[in-house]
């Protein structure tokens, strides 16, 4: 998803939104890998490939990192947003465990990249808490959390039961404490990735909508609007 046409601006964009411009692709190019989408997912893939010597081109229909990446909460949470209990019901315990391991590895990888390149993006580890919604009876919350806790432990998540959060009315609430999560400034991090990508010969193009991808005998041809 790209939200570059939205008029809203996030805190991250107000603080550090400059310097993410890129030209529109206006010529034919060849490369090892073309990546469609210049959010954190696409740029992370481009970074990893450029680090092993691949020539990459990144295309985005809007601004570089101008979509959801620029409007994130910046909370790096290695736990399924919809709940691990629900994921386990739908996909099974083995898949839930693999998902959990992959999310933990992703946050660890961001931390390693920050350390490797000395990226000043306010990365820090911190705990997160799941507590009842306003108006939810603590008894009902405890029952729901028990189910989630069992699924989390089965998936080997770093979680424990706790009591209370520093919010009025929730001092004695049943909570789940997720340890070793993280937060960062997404655009500061993205800018560092872009420097590394371009330093290794990668190229980024904005305002370049992809309309077709055709697999051929000699490779893949990606066509853009216009």
Protein backbone atom coordinates (compact mmCIF):
# COMPACT_ATOMS: atom_id res chain seq x y z
CA UNK A 1 0.00 0.00 0.00
CA UNK A 2 1.19 3.50 -0.82
CA UNK A 3 -0.46 6.48 0.81
CA UNK A 4 1.57 9.14 -1.00
CA UNK A 5 -1.58 10.85 -2.26
CA UNK A 6 -2.92 11.37 1.24
CA UNK A 7 -2.78 14.88 2.63
CA UNK A 8 -2.04 13.79 6.17
CA UNK A 9 1.45 14.14 7.60
CA UNK A 10 2.90 12.07 10.40
CA UNK A 11 5.24 13.14 13.20
CA UNK A 12 8.05 11.34 11.36
CA UNK A 13 7.39 13.29 8.15
CA UNK A 14 7.30 16.60 10.01
CA UNK A 15 10.54 15.83 11.85
CA UNK A 16 12.55 14.24 9.06
CA UNK A 17 10.49 14.04 5.88
CA UNK A 18 12.92 15.91 3.62
CA UNK A 19 15.48 14.22 1.41
CA UNK A 20 13.33 11.35 0.18
CA UNK A 21 12.85 12.66 -3.35
CA UNK A 22 13.81 10.61 -6.38
CA UNK A 23 13.42 11.14 -10.14
CA UNK A 24 10.84 9.46 -12.34
CA UNK A 25 12.21 6.66 -14.51
CA UNK A 26 12.36 8.00 -18.06
CA UNK A 27 14.56 5.48 -19.87
CA UNK A 28 15.04 1.76 -20.37
CA UNK A 29 17.25 0.10 -17.77
CA UNK A 30 18.55 -3.37 -17.05
CA UNK A 31 19.46 -4.71 -13.61
CA UNK A 32 19.73 -7.92 -11.60
CA UNK A 33 16.58 -7.29 -9.58
CA UNK A 34 13.75 -4.76 -9.84
CA UNK A 35 11.77 -4.11 -6.66
CA UNK A 36 8.30 -2.63 -6.85
CA UNK A 37 7.50 -0.55 -3.78
CA UNK A 38 9.78 1.78 -1.83
CA UNK A 39 8.45 1.29 1.67
CA UNK A 40 10.45 -0.37 4.43
CA UNK A 41 9.80 -3.84 2.98
CA UNK A 42 11.03 -3.01 -0.51
CA UNK A 43 13.99 -0.96 0.68
CA UNK A 44 15.02 -3.66 3.17
CA UNK A 45 15.10 -6.22 0.34
CA UNK A 46 17.03 -3.77 -1.85
CA UNK A 47 19.52 -3.20 0.96
CA UNK A 48 20.14 -6.91 1.51
CA UNK A 49 20.59 -7.59 -2.21
CA UNK A 50 22.89 -4.60 -2.71
CA UNK A 51 25.04 -5.85 0.17
CA UNK A 52 25.78 -9.06 -1.74
CA UNK A 53 26.63 -7.32 -4.99
CA UNK A 54 23.30 -7.36 -6.82
CA UNK A 55 22.42 -4.40 -9.02
CA UNK A 56 18.96 -3.27 -7.89
CA UNK A 57 16.39 -0.81 -9.17
CA UNK A 58 13.53 0.27 -6.87
CA UNK A 59 10.32 1.67 -8.36
CA UNK A 60 7.44 3.33 -6.53
CA UNK A 61 4.24 4.85 -7.89
CA UNK A 62 4.52 7.67 -5.36
CA UNK A 63 7.17 9.18 -3.16
CA UNK A 64 9.99 7.12 -1.68
CA UNK A 65 8.80 5.85 1.73
CA UNK A 66 5.74 8.05 1.25
CA UNK A 67 3.12 5.49 2.20
CA UNK A 68 2.44 3.52 5.34
CA UNK A 69 6.15 3.47 6.27
CA UNK A 70 6.02 7.24 6.82
CA UNK A 71 2.87 6.93 8.92
CA UNK A 72 3.77 3.98 11.13
CA UNK A 73 3.55 3.88 14.91
CA UNK A 74 7.29 3.00 14.76
CA UNK A 75 6.69 0.12 17.17
CA UNK A 76 8.71 -2.92 16.10
CA UNK A 77 6.50 -5.64 17.53
CA UNK A 78 7.56 -9.25 16.86
CA UNK A 79 4.07 -10.56 17.68
CA UNK A 80 1.10 -11.14 15.36
CA UNK A 81 -1.18 -8.07 15.42
CA UNK A 82 -4.32 -10.21 15.21
CA UNK A 83 -3.26 -12.38 18.12
CA UNK A 84 -1.20 -15.55 18.19
CA UNK A 85 -4.17 -17.58 19.44
CA UNK A 86 -6.16 -16.59 16.36
CA UNK A 87 -3.18 -17.26 14.07
CA UNK A 88 -2.75 -20.70 15.65
CA UNK A 89 -6.41 -21.53 15.04
CA UNK A 90 -6.18 -20.54 11.38
CA UNK A 91 -2.69 -21.72 10.41
CA UNK A 92 -1.70 -24.18 13.14
CA UNK A 93 0.88 -24.12 15.92
CA UNK A 94 3.89 -24.88 13.71
CA UNK A 95 3.15 -21.95 11.41
CA UNK A 96 2.50 -19.64 14.36
CA UNK A 97 5.91 -20.56 15.79
CA UNK A 98 7.62 -19.92 12.44
CA UNK A 99 5.86 -16.57 12.13
CA UNK A 100 6.97 -15.58 15.61
CA UNK A 101 10.58 -16.60 14.92
CA UNK A 102 10.60 -14.64 11.66
CA UNK A 103 9.30 -11.49 13.34
CA UNK A 104 11.90 -11.70 16.11
CA UNK A 105 14.62 -12.20 13.49
CA UNK A 106 13.39 -9.15 11.56
CA UNK A 107 13.68 -6.85 14.58
CA UNK A 108 17.08 -8.33 15.43
CA UNK A 109 18.19 -7.66 11.85
CA UNK A 110 17.14 -4.01 12.06
CA UNK A 111 19.10 -3.69 15.29
CA UNK A 112 22.16 -5.25 13.64
CA UNK A 113 21.95 -2.91 10.64
CA UNK A 114 21.61 0.09 12.95
CA UNK A 115 24.75 -1.01 14.82
CA UNK A 116 26.72 -1.86 11.66
CA UNK A 117 26.19 1.52 10.00
CA UNK A 118 25.88 3.55 13.21
CA UNK A 119 22.44 4.82 12.21
CA UNK A 120 21.10 7.59 14.46
CA UNK A 121 17.44 6.59 14.31
CA UNK A 122 16.54 6.46 18.03
CA UNK A 123 16.42 2.65 18.06
CA UNK A 124 15.76 1.28 21.53
CA UNK A 125 14.46 -1.90 23.12
CA UNK A 126 11.41 -1.69 25.38
CA UNK A 127 8.54 -3.71 26.78
CA UNK A 128 4.96 -3.68 25.52
CA UNK A 129 1.76 -4.44 27.44
CA UNK A 130 -1.57 -5.92 26.42
CA UNK A 131 -4.30 -4.72 28.79
CA UNK A 132 -8.14 -4.78 28.72
CA UNK A 133 -10.10 -2.42 26.53
CA UNK A 134 -12.05 0.32 28.35
CA UNK A 135 -15.25 -1.10 29.75
CA UNK A 136 -14.12 -4.73 29.48
CA UNK A 137 -14.55 -6.74 32.67
CA UNK A 138 -11.23 -7.87 34.10
CA UNK A 139 -12.63 -11.41 34.43
CA UNK A 140 -13.37 -11.55 30.69
CA UNK A 141 -10.01 -9.98 29.91
CA UNK A 142 -8.20 -12.54 32.03
CA UNK A 143 -9.92 -15.42 30.21
CA UNK A 144 -9.01 -13.99 26.80
CA UNK A 145 -5.45 -13.32 27.91
CA UNK A 146 -5.06 -16.86 29.25
CA UNK A 147 -5.85 -18.24 25.80
CA UNK A 148 -3.46 -15.80 24.14
CA UNK A 149 -0.74 -16.51 26.72
CA UNK A 150 -0.87 -20.26 26.05
CA UNK A 151 -0.56 -19.66 22.30
CA UNK A 152 2.29 -17.20 22.80
CA UNK A 153 4.22 -19.60 25.01
CA UNK A 154 3.70 -22.41 22.50
CA UNK A 155 5.12 -20.11 19.79
CA UNK A 156 8.11 -19.37 22.08
CA UNK A 157 7.29 -15.68 22.43
CA UNK A 158 9.02 -13.69 25.18
CA UNK A 159 5.91 -12.98 27.26
CA UNK A 160 4.77 -13.15 30.88
CA UNK A 161 1.64 -12.42 32.88
CA UNK A 162 1.70 -9.25 34.94
CA UNK A 163 -0.59 -6.94 36.87
CA UNK A 164 -1.47 -3.35 36.14
CA UNK A 165 -0.30 -0.52 33.90
CA UNK A 166 0.16 3.13 34.96
CA UNK A 167 -3.22 4.29 33.64
CA UNK A 168 -6.12 5.41 35.80
CA UNK A 169 -8.49 2.51 36.34
CA UNK A 170 -6.02 -0.09 35.10
CA UNK A 171 -3.64 -0.24 38.07
CA UNK A 172 -4.89 -3.75 38.94
CA UNK A 173 -5.78 -4.91 35.44
CA UNK A 174 -4.58 -8.28 34.15
CA UNK A 175 -1.91 -7.67 31.51
CA UNK A 176 0.50 -9.54 29.30
CA UNK A 177 4.03 -8.14 29.20
CA UNK A 178 5.95 -8.58 25.95
CA UNK A 179 9.67 -8.19 26.59
CA UNK A 180 12.43 -7.05 24.24
CA UNK A 181 10.35 -5.26 21.65
CA UNK A 182 11.65 -2.08 20.03
CA UNK A 183 10.93 1.32 18.55
CA UNK A 184 12.79 3.64 16.16
CA UNK A 185 12.45 6.64 13.84
CA UNK A 186 11.42 5.00 10.55
CA UNK A 187 12.45 7.76 8.14
CA UNK A 188 15.89 8.24 9.70
CA UNK A 189 16.40 4.50 9.32
CA UNK A 190 15.09 4.49 5.74
CA UNK A 191 17.42 7.32 4.73
CA UNK A 192 20.40 5.29 5.94
CA UNK A 193 19.24 2.26 3.96
CA UNK A 194 18.95 4.43 0.86
CA UNK A 195 22.50 5.73 1.30
CA UNK A 196 23.78 2.16 1.47
CA UNK A 197 21.71 1.03 -1.51
CA UNK A 198 22.86 3.92 -3.70
CA UNK A 199 26.43 3.54 -2.44
CA UNK A 200 26.38 0.01 -3.82
CA UNK A 201 25.07 1.12 -7.22
CA UNK A 202 21.35 0.77 -6.59
CA UNK A 203 18.93 3.25 -8.14
CA UNK A 204 15.57 4.54 -6.86
CA UNK A 205 12.75 6.06 -8.89
CA UNK A 206 9.60 7.76 -7.60
CA UNK A 207 6.32 8.58 -9.42
CA UNK A 208 6.88 5.49 -11.56
CA UNK A 209 3.76 3.28 -11.55
CA UNK A 210 4.35 -0.30 -12.70
CA UNK A 211 1.53 -1.54 -14.97
CA UNK A 212 2.83 -4.91 -16.16
CA UNK A 213 5.47 -7.54 -15.50
CA UNK A 214 6.17 -10.07 -18.26
CA UNK A 215 8.38 -13.12 -17.83
CA UNK A 216 10.50 -13.83 -20.90
CA UNK A 217 13.13 -16.38 -21.84
CA UNK A 218 15.91 -13.86 -21.22
CA UNK A 219 14.50 -12.37 -18.02
CA UNK A 220 11.59 -10.29 -16.80
CA UNK A 221 10.35 -7.11 -18.46
CA UNK A 222 8.67 -4.59 -16.17
CA UNK A 223 6.65 -1.89 -17.89
CA UNK A 224 5.79 1.42 -16.32
CA UNK A 225 3.00 3.89 -17.01
CA UNK A 226 3.76 6.03 -20.03
